């Protein structure tokens, strides 16, 4: 896989983690009516929430990408066999 695609996926996951962290904090405060969660709106609370969300997303991406990675290896070998036959 090209390095630019991996970086693009990484940055997209990073931005989504930032937005999701803010959303999770707001959800905990307003929708659950748990006003003790308001302390998570501090910088340290946001960073902790961000790290947890970002880590979880990276793990989920890795889990769901395992099957695709094996398929790409198989397809690359098939394409290289076809190209060698063509020559």
PDB file of N, CA and C in Angstrom:
ATOM      1  N   UNK A   1       0.859  -1.171   0.000  1.00  0.00           N
ATOM      2  CA  UNK A   1       0.000   0.000   0.000  1.00  0.00           C
ATOM      3  C   UNK A   1       0.910   1.242   0.000  1.00  0.00           C
ATOM      4  N   UNK A   2       0.538   2.245  -0.738  1.00  0.00           N
ATOM      5  CA  UNK A   2       1.358   3.442  -0.830  1.00  0.00           C
ATOM      6  C   UNK A   2       1.354   4.201   0.487  1.00  0.00           C
ATOM      7  N   UNK A   3       2.473   4.870   0.736  1.00  0.00           N
ATOM      8  CA  UNK A   3       2.621   5.608   1.984  1.00  0.00           C
ATOM      9  C   UNK A   3       1.634   6.771   2.080  1.00  0.00           C
ATOM     10  N   UNK A   4       1.307   7.393   0.955  1.00  0.00           N
ATOM     11  CA  UNK A   4       0.379   8.522   0.971  1.00  0.00           C
ATOM     12  C   UNK A   4      -1.026   8.077   1.368  1.00  0.00           C
ATOM     13  N   UNK A   5      -1.418   6.880   0.961  1.00  0.00           N
ATOM     14  CA  UNK A   5      -2.739   6.366   1.334  1.00  0.00           C
ATOM     15  C   UNK A   5      -2.784   6.101   2.830  1.00  0.00           C
ATOM     16  N   UNK A   6      -1.710   5.540   3.369  1.00  0.00           N
ATOM     17  CA  UNK A   6      -1.653   5.261   4.799  1.00  0.00           C
ATOM     18  C   UNK A   6      -1.695   6.562   5.594  1.00  0.00           C
ATOM     19  N   UNK A   7      -0.954   7.572   5.153  1.00  0.00           N
ATOM     20  CA  UNK A   7      -0.980   8.862   5.844  1.00  0.00           C
ATOM     21  C   UNK A   7      -2.355   9.514   5.768  1.00  0.00           C
ATOM     22  N   UNK A   8      -3.003   9.395   4.625  1.00  0.00           N
ATOM     23  CA  UNK A   8      -4.345   9.965   4.465  1.00  0.00           C
ATOM     24  C   UNK A   8      -5.329   9.288   5.415  1.00  0.00           C
ATOM     25  N   UNK A   9      -5.247   7.955   5.525  1.00  0.00           N
ATOM     26  CA  UNK A   9      -6.107   7.229   6.448  1.00  0.00           C
ATOM     27  C   UNK A   9      -5.806   7.621   7.900  1.00  0.00           C
ATOM     28  N   UNK A  10      -4.530   7.798   8.204  1.00  0.00           N
ATOM     29  CA  UNK A  10      -4.128   8.177   9.564  1.00  0.00           C
ATOM     30  C   UNK A  10      -4.677   9.555   9.927  1.00  0.00           C
ATOM     31  N   UNK A  11      -4.525  10.509   9.029  1.00  0.00           N
ATOM     32  CA  UNK A  11      -5.015  11.874   9.312  1.00  0.00           C
ATOM     33  C   UNK A  11      -6.545  11.915   9.397  1.00  0.00           C
ATOM     34  N   UNK A  12      -7.198  11.134   8.560  1.00  0.00           N
ATOM     35  CA  UNK A  12      -8.653  11.068   8.630  1.00  0.00           C
ATOM     36  C   UNK A  12      -9.097  10.491   9.964  1.00  0.00           C
ATOM     37  N   UNK A  13      -8.428   9.449  10.426  1.00  0.00           N
ATOM     38  CA  UNK A  13      -8.738   8.860  11.725  1.00  0.00           C
ATOM     39  C   UNK A  13      -8.458   9.852  12.844  1.00  0.00           C
ATOM     40  N   UNK A  14      -7.390  10.610  12.721  1.00  0.00           N
ATOM     41  CA  UNK A  14      -7.032  11.611  13.727  1.00  0.00           C
ATOM     42  C   UNK A  14      -8.104  12.694  13.831  1.00  0.00           C
ATOM     43  N   UNK A  15      -8.539  13.209  12.706  1.00  0.00           N
ATOM     44  CA  UNK A  15      -9.569  14.259  12.706  1.00  0.00           C
ATOM     45  C   UNK A  15     -10.889  13.711  13.234  1.00  0.00           C
ATOM     46  N   UNK A  16     -11.252  12.505  12.813  1.00  0.00           N
ATOM     47  CA  UNK A  16     -12.487  11.910  13.312  1.00  0.00           C
ATOM     48  C   UNK A  16     -12.412  11.700  14.826  1.00  0.00           C
ATOM     49  N   UNK A  17     -11.243  11.335  15.330  1.00  0.00           N
ATOM     50  CA  UNK A  17     -11.078  11.141  16.774  1.00  0.00           C
ATOM     51  C   UNK A  17     -11.286  12.440  17.533  1.00  0.00           C
ATOM     52  N   UNK A  18     -10.795  13.541  16.980  1.00  0.00           N
ATOM     53  CA  UNK A  18     -10.987  14.841  17.630  1.00  0.00           C
ATOM     54  C   UNK A  18     -12.470  15.185  17.727  1.00  0.00           C
ATOM     55  N   UNK A  19     -13.169  15.020  16.633  1.00  0.00           N
ATOM     56  CA  UNK A  19     -14.602  15.332  16.609  1.00  0.00           C
ATOM     57  C   UNK A  19     -15.380  14.371  17.506  1.00  0.00           C
ATOM     58  N   UNK A  20     -15.034  13.093  17.453  1.00  0.00           N
ATOM     59  CA  UNK A  20     -15.734  12.098  18.269  1.00  0.00           C
ATOM     60  C   UNK A  20     -15.494  12.338  19.753  1.00  0.00           C
ATOM     61  N   UNK A  21     -14.304  12.771  20.122  1.00  0.00           N
ATOM     62  CA  UNK A  21     -14.013  13.048  21.533  1.00  0.00           C
ATOM     63  C   UNK A  21     -14.891  14.167  22.061  1.00  0.00           C
ATOM     64  N   UNK A  22     -15.016  15.214  21.284  1.00  0.00           N
ATOM     65  CA  UNK A  22     -15.879  16.323  21.691  1.00  0.00           C
ATOM     66  C   UNK A  22     -17.324  15.844  21.787  1.00  0.00           C
ATOM     67  N   UNK A  23     -17.749  15.067  20.816  1.00  0.00           N
ATOM     68  CA  UNK A  23     -19.117  14.544  20.827  1.00  0.00           C
ATOM     69  C   UNK A  23     -19.385  13.625  22.009  1.00  0.00           C
ATOM     70  N   UNK A  24     -18.421  12.796  22.356  1.00  0.00           N
ATOM     71  CA  UNK A  24     -18.608  11.901  23.500  1.00  0.00           C
ATOM     72  C   UNK A  24     -18.712  12.669  24.813  1.00  0.00           C
ATOM     73  N   UNK A  25     -17.915  13.706  24.955  1.00  0.00           N
ATOM     74  CA  UNK A  25     -17.979  14.509  26.178  1.00  0.00           C
ATOM     75  C   UNK A  25     -19.324  15.218  26.264  1.00  0.00           C
ATOM     76  N   UNK A  26     -19.755  15.805  25.166  1.00  0.00           N
ATOM     77  CA  UNK A  26     -21.045  16.503  25.154  1.00  0.00           C
ATOM     78  C   UNK A  26     -22.182  15.512  25.415  1.00  0.00           C
ATOM     79  N   UNK A  27     -22.086  14.337  24.827  1.00  0.00           N
ATOM     80  CA  UNK A  27     -23.110  13.311  25.059  1.00  0.00           C
ATOM     81  C   UNK A  27     -23.170  12.943  26.540  1.00  0.00           C
ATOM     82  N   UNK A  28     -22.016  12.755  27.153  1.00  0.00           N
ATOM     83  CA  UNK A  28     -21.983  12.392  28.574  1.00  0.00           C
ATOM     84  C   UNK A  28     -22.560  13.466  29.464  1.00  0.00           C
ATOM     85  N   UNK A  29     -22.403  14.719  29.070  1.00  0.00           N
ATOM     86  CA  UNK A  29     -22.888  15.817  29.903  1.00  0.00           C
ATOM     87  C   UNK A  29     -24.377  16.063  29.680  1.00  0.00           C
ATOM     88  N   UNK A  30     -24.797  16.209  28.454  1.00  0.00           N
ATOM     89  CA  UNK A  30     -26.157  16.665  28.183  1.00  0.00           C
ATOM     90  C   UNK A  30     -27.181  15.542  28.041  1.00  0.00           C
ATOM     91  N   UNK A  31     -26.866  14.500  27.289  1.00  0.00           N
ATOM     92  CA  UNK A  31     -27.869  13.477  27.039  1.00  0.00           C
ATOM     93  C   UNK A  31     -28.061  12.531  28.213  1.00  0.00           C
ATOM     94  N   UNK A  32     -26.998  12.271  28.959  1.00  0.00           N
ATOM     95  CA  UNK A  32     -27.116  11.403  30.119  1.00  0.00           C
ATOM     96  C   UNK A  32     -27.483  12.185  31.374  1.00  0.00           C
ATOM     97  N   UNK A  33     -27.497  13.502  31.266  1.00  0.00           N
ATOM     98  CA  UNK A  33     -27.771  14.397  32.385  1.00  0.00           C
ATOM     99  C   UNK A  33     -26.861  14.115  33.582  1.00  0.00           C
ATOM    100  N   UNK A  34     -25.630  13.740  33.271  1.00  0.00           N
ATOM    101  CA  UNK A  34     -24.636  13.481  34.308  1.00  0.00           C
ATOM    102  C   UNK A  34     -23.689  14.673  34.328  1.00  0.00           C
ATOM    103  N   UNK A  35     -24.030  15.657  35.132  1.00  0.00           N
ATOM    104  CA  UNK A  35     -23.264  16.891  35.137  1.00  0.00           C
ATOM    105  C   UNK A  35     -21.909  16.743  35.826  1.00  0.00           C
ATOM    106  N   UNK A  36     -21.645  15.601  36.429  1.00  0.00           N
ATOM    107  CA  UNK A  36     -20.306  15.364  36.973  1.00  0.00           C
ATOM    108  C   UNK A  36     -19.305  15.169  35.833  1.00  0.00           C
ATOM    109  N   UNK A  37     -19.812  14.871  34.632  1.00  0.00           N
ATOM    110  CA  UNK A  37     -18.944  14.698  33.464  1.00  0.00           C
ATOM    111  C   UNK A  37     -18.399  16.030  32.948  1.00  0.00           C
ATOM    112  N   UNK A  38     -18.892  17.137  33.486  1.00  0.00           N
ATOM    113  CA  UNK A  38     -18.449  18.453  33.016  1.00  0.00           C
ATOM    114  C   UNK A  38     -16.957  18.651  33.255  1.00  0.00           C
ATOM    115  N   UNK A  39     -16.417  17.930  34.222  1.00  0.00           N
ATOM    116  CA  UNK A  39     -14.985  18.049  34.484  1.00  0.00           C
ATOM    117  C   UNK A  39     -14.147  17.485  33.342  1.00  0.00           C
ATOM    118  N   UNK A  40     -14.747  16.663  32.495  1.00  0.00           N
ATOM    119  CA  UNK A  40     -14.024  16.122  31.346  1.00  0.00           C
ATOM    120  C   UNK A  40     -13.827  17.174  30.261  1.00  0.00           C
ATOM    121  N   UNK A  41     -14.460  18.323  30.384  1.00  0.00           N
ATOM    122  CA  UNK A  41     -14.298  19.378  29.385  1.00  0.00           C
ATOM    123  C   UNK A  41     -12.994  20.143  29.571  1.00  0.00           C
ATOM    124  N   UNK A  42     -12.197  19.781  30.557  1.00  0.00           N
ATOM    125  CA  UNK A  42     -10.886  20.400  30.726  1.00  0.00           C
ATOM    126  C   UNK A  42      -9.953  19.858  29.648  1.00  0.00           C
ATOM    127  N   UNK A  43      -8.813  20.482  29.522  1.00  0.00           N
ATOM    128  CA  UNK A  43      -7.831  20.050  28.514  1.00  0.00           C
ATOM    129  C   UNK A  43      -7.372  18.619  28.804  1.00  0.00           C
ATOM    130  N   UNK A  44      -7.072  18.324  30.048  1.00  0.00           N
ATOM    131  CA  UNK A  44      -6.596  16.970  30.371  1.00  0.00           C
ATOM    132  C   UNK A  44      -7.699  15.930  30.136  1.00  0.00           C
ATOM    133  N   UNK A  45      -8.948  16.267  30.446  1.00  0.00           N
ATOM    134  CA  UNK A  45     -10.049  15.349  30.188  1.00  0.00           C
ATOM    135  C   UNK A  45     -10.253  15.124  28.705  1.00  0.00           C
ATOM    136  N   UNK A  46     -10.112  16.201  27.921  1.00  0.00           N
ATOM    137  CA  UNK A  46     -10.244  16.071  26.467  1.00  0.00           C
ATOM    138  C   UNK A  46      -9.127  15.206  25.905  1.00  0.00           C
ATOM    139  N   UNK A  47      -7.901  15.431  26.367  1.00  0.00           N
ATOM    140  CA  UNK A  47      -6.763  14.649  25.863  1.00  0.00           C
ATOM    141  C   UNK A  47      -6.934  13.174  26.202  1.00  0.00           C
ATOM    142  N   UNK A  48      -7.384  12.877  27.421  1.00  0.00           N
ATOM    143  CA  UNK A  48      -7.604  11.482  27.806  1.00  0.00           C
ATOM    144  C   UNK A  48      -8.683  10.839  26.933  1.00  0.00           C
ATOM    145  N   UNK A  49      -9.785  11.551  26.731  1.00  0.00           N
ATOM    146  CA  UNK A  49     -10.860  11.034  25.879  1.00  0.00           C
ATOM    147  C   UNK A  49     -10.365  10.846  24.453  1.00  0.00           C
ATOM    148  N   UNK A  50      -9.589  11.804  23.944  1.00  0.00           N
ATOM    149  CA  UNK A  50      -9.047  11.711  22.588  1.00  0.00           C
ATOM    150  C   UNK A  50      -8.144  10.497  22.439  1.00  0.00           C
ATOM    151  N   UNK A  51      -7.269  10.268  23.407  1.00  0.00           N
ATOM    152  CA  UNK A  51      -6.346   9.133  23.329  1.00  0.00           C
ATOM    153  C   UNK A  51      -7.120   7.822  23.310  1.00  0.00           C
ATOM    154  N   UNK A  52      -8.142   7.721  24.146  1.00  0.00           N
ATOM    155  CA  UNK A  52      -8.943   6.494  24.178  1.00  0.00           C
ATOM    156  C   UNK A  52      -9.696   6.274  22.864  1.00  0.00           C
ATOM    157  N   UNK A  53     -10.289   7.327  22.329  1.00  0.00           N
ATOM    158  CA  UNK A  53     -11.040   7.202  21.071  1.00  0.00           C
ATOM    159  C   UNK A  53     -10.089   6.897  19.917  1.00  0.00           C
ATOM    160  N   UNK A  54      -8.973   7.590  19.849  1.00  0.00           N
ATOM    161  CA  UNK A  54      -8.017   7.394  18.768  1.00  0.00           C
ATOM    162  C   UNK A  54      -7.447   5.980  18.797  1.00  0.00           C
ATOM    163  N   UNK A  55      -7.090   5.516  19.973  1.00  0.00           N
ATOM    164  CA  UNK A  55      -6.573   4.156  20.103  1.00  0.00           C
ATOM    165  C   UNK A  55      -7.592   3.116  19.696  1.00  0.00           C
ATOM    166  N   UNK A  56      -8.837   3.317  20.124  1.00  0.00           N
ATOM    167  CA  UNK A  56      -9.895   2.373  19.770  1.00  0.00           C
ATOM    168  C   UNK A  56     -10.127   2.348  18.260  1.00  0.00           C
ATOM    169  N   UNK A  57     -10.095   3.515  17.624  1.00  0.00           N
ATOM    170  CA  UNK A  57     -10.291   3.565  16.168  1.00  0.00           C
ATOM    171  C   UNK A  57      -9.148   2.895  15.414  1.00  0.00           C
ATOM    172  N   UNK A  58      -7.914   3.069  15.886  1.00  0.00           N
ATOM    173  CA  UNK A  58      -6.783   2.414  15.235  1.00  0.00           C
ATOM    174  C   UNK A  58      -6.880   0.902  15.348  1.00  0.00           C
ATOM    175  N   UNK A  59      -7.286   0.426  16.523  1.00  0.00           N
ATOM    176  CA  UNK A  59      -7.444  -1.013  16.702  1.00  0.00           C
ATOM    177  C   UNK A  59      -8.567  -1.542  15.814  1.00  0.00           C
ATOM    178  N   UNK A  60      -9.695  -0.830  15.764  1.00  0.00           N
ATOM    179  CA  UNK A  60     -10.803  -1.265  14.912  1.00  0.00           C
ATOM    180  C   UNK A  60     -10.403  -1.264  13.443  1.00  0.00           C
ATOM    181  N   UNK A  61      -9.662  -0.247  13.026  1.00  0.00           N
ATOM    182  CA  UNK A  61      -9.220  -0.191  11.630  1.00  0.00           C
ATOM    183  C   UNK A  61      -8.316  -1.371  11.310  1.00  0.00           C
ATOM    184  N   UNK A  62      -7.436  -1.700  12.214  1.00  0.00           N
ATOM    185  CA  UNK A  62      -6.519  -2.819  12.002  1.00  0.00           C
ATOM    186  C   UNK A  62      -7.290  -4.137  11.926  1.00  0.00           C
ATOM    187  N   UNK A  63      -8.274  -4.308  12.804  1.00  0.00           N
ATOM    188  CA  UNK A  63      -9.064  -5.536  12.813  1.00  0.00           C
ATOM    189  C   UNK A  63      -9.831  -5.700  11.504  1.00  0.00           C
ATOM    190  N   UNK A  64     -10.489  -4.644  11.048  1.00  0.00           N
ATOM    191  CA  UNK A  64     -11.292  -4.747   9.834  1.00  0.00           C
ATOM    192  C   UNK A  64     -10.455  -4.739   8.565  1.00  0.00           C
ATOM    193  N   UNK A  65      -9.192  -4.352   8.663  1.00  0.00           N
ATOM    194  CA  UNK A  65      -8.324  -4.294   7.492  1.00  0.00           C
ATOM    195  C   UNK A  65      -7.531  -5.582   7.302  1.00  0.00           C
ATOM    196  N   UNK A  66      -7.546  -6.473   8.285  1.00  0.00           N
ATOM    197  CA  UNK A  66      -6.778  -7.719   8.175  1.00  0.00           C
ATOM    198  C   UNK A  66      -7.214  -8.548   6.983  1.00  0.00           C
ATOM    199  N   UNK A  67      -8.505  -8.709   6.810  1.00  0.00           N
ATOM    200  CA  UNK A  67      -9.027  -9.516   5.723  1.00  0.00           C
ATOM    201  C   UNK A  67      -8.670  -8.900   4.367  1.00  0.00           C
ATOM    202  N   UNK A  68      -8.767  -7.594   4.271  1.00  0.00           N
ATOM    203  CA  UNK A  68      -8.435  -6.915   3.018  1.00  0.00           C
ATOM    204  C   UNK A  68      -6.963  -7.078   2.675  1.00  0.00           C
ATOM    205  N   UNK A  69      -6.114  -7.039   3.679  1.00  0.00           N
ATOM    206  CA  UNK A  69      -4.683  -7.161   3.439  1.00  0.00           C
ATOM    207  C   UNK A  69      -4.349  -8.518   2.824  1.00  0.00           C
ATOM    208  N   UNK A  70      -4.965  -9.570   3.334  1.00  0.00           N
ATOM    209  CA  UNK A  70      -4.726 -10.902   2.782  1.00  0.00           C
ATOM    210  C   UNK A  70      -5.232 -10.998   1.346  1.00  0.00           C
ATOM    211  N   UNK A  71      -6.361 -10.369   1.063  1.00  0.00           N
ATOM    212  CA  UNK A  71      -6.897 -10.380  -0.303  1.00  0.00           C
ATOM    213  C   UNK A  71      -5.969  -9.636  -1.257  1.00  0.00           C
ATOM    214  N   UNK A  72      -5.401  -8.519  -0.811  1.00  0.00           N
ATOM    215  CA  UNK A  72      -4.485  -7.763  -1.673  1.00  0.00           C
ATOM    216  C   UNK A  72      -3.232  -8.573  -1.979  1.00  0.00           C
ATOM    217  N   UNK A  73      -2.727  -9.302  -1.011  1.00  0.00           N
ATOM    218  CA  UNK A  73      -1.547 -10.131  -1.254  1.00  0.00           C
ATOM    219  C   UNK A  73      -1.863 -11.194  -2.302  1.00  0.00           C
ATOM    220  N   UNK A  74      -3.033 -11.829  -2.192  1.00  0.00           N
ATOM    221  CA  UNK A  74      -3.439 -12.846  -3.152  1.00  0.00           C
ATOM    222  C   UNK A  74      -3.614 -12.248  -4.548  1.00  0.00           C
ATOM    223  N   UNK A  75      -4.278 -11.088  -4.619  1.00  0.00           N
ATOM    224  CA  UNK A  75      -4.486 -10.438  -5.915  1.00  0.00           C
ATOM    225  C   UNK A  75      -3.172 -10.004  -6.552  1.00  0.00           C
ATOM    226  N   UNK A  76      -2.240  -9.492  -5.757  1.00  0.00           N
ATOM    227  CA  UNK A  76      -0.948  -9.080  -6.304  1.00  0.00           C
ATOM    228  C   UNK A  76      -0.189 -10.272  -6.876  1.00  0.00           C
ATOM    229  N   UNK A  77      -0.266 -11.410  -6.196  1.00  0.00           N
ATOM    230  CA  UNK A  77       0.428 -12.585  -6.732  1.00  0.00           C
ATOM    231  C   UNK A  77      -0.223 -13.056  -8.031  1.00  0.00           C
ATOM    232  N   UNK A  78      -1.552 -13.004  -8.097  1.00  0.00           N
ATOM    233  CA  UNK A  78      -2.244 -13.408  -9.322  1.00  0.00           C
ATOM    234  C   UNK A  78      -1.909 -12.467 -10.479  1.00  0.00           C
ATOM    235  N   UNK A  79      -1.855 -11.177 -10.207  1.00  0.00           N
ATOM    236  CA  UNK A  79      -1.532 -10.195 -11.255  1.00  0.00           C
ATOM    237  C   UNK A  79      -0.104 -10.386 -11.724  1.00  0.00           C
ATOM    238  N   UNK A  80       0.823 -10.635 -10.798  1.00  0.00           N
ATOM    239  CA  UNK A  80       2.215 -10.822 -11.210  1.00  0.00           C
ATOM    240  C   UNK A  80       2.374 -12.092 -12.046  1.00  0.00           C
ATOM    241  N   UNK A  81       1.597 -13.148 -11.743  1.00  0.00           N
ATOM    242  CA  UNK A  81       1.628 -14.360 -12.560  1.00  0.00           C
ATOM    243  C   UNK A  81       1.116 -14.072 -13.972  1.00  0.00           C
ATOM    244  N   UNK A  82       0.018 -13.308 -14.045  1.00  0.00           N
ATOM    245  CA  UNK A  82      -0.534 -12.955 -15.364  1.00  0.00           C
ATOM    246  C   UNK A  82       0.431 -12.103 -16.167  1.00  0.00           C
ATOM    247  N   UNK A  83       1.092 -11.179 -15.502  1.00  0.00           N
ATOM    248  CA  UNK A  83       2.054 -10.327 -16.207  1.00  0.00           C
ATOM    249  C   UNK A  83       3.247 -11.124 -16.697  1.00  0.00           C
ATOM    250  N   UNK A  84       3.699 -12.094 -15.917  1.00  0.00           N
ATOM    251  CA  UNK A  84       4.841 -12.906 -16.350  1.00  0.00           C
ATOM    252  C   UNK A  84       4.443 -13.802 -17.537  1.00  0.00           C
ATOM    253  N   UNK A  85       3.197 -14.282 -17.565  1.00  0.00           N
ATOM    254  CA  UNK A  85       2.732 -15.087 -18.698  1.00  0.00           C
ATOM    255  C   UNK A  85       2.615 -14.249 -19.968  1.00  0.00           C
ATOM    256  N   UNK A  86       2.254 -12.979 -19.796  1.00  0.00           N
ATOM    257  CA  UNK A  86       2.053 -12.097 -20.938  1.00  0.00           C
ATOM    258  C   UNK A  86       3.369 -11.806 -21.658  1.00  0.00           C
ATOM    259  N   UNK A  87       4.450 -11.781 -20.921  1.00  0.00           N
ATOM    260  CA  UNK A  87       5.755 -11.455 -21.510  1.00  0.00           C
ATOM    261  C   UNK A  87       6.245 -12.639 -22.252  1.00  0.00           C
TER     262      UNK A  87
END
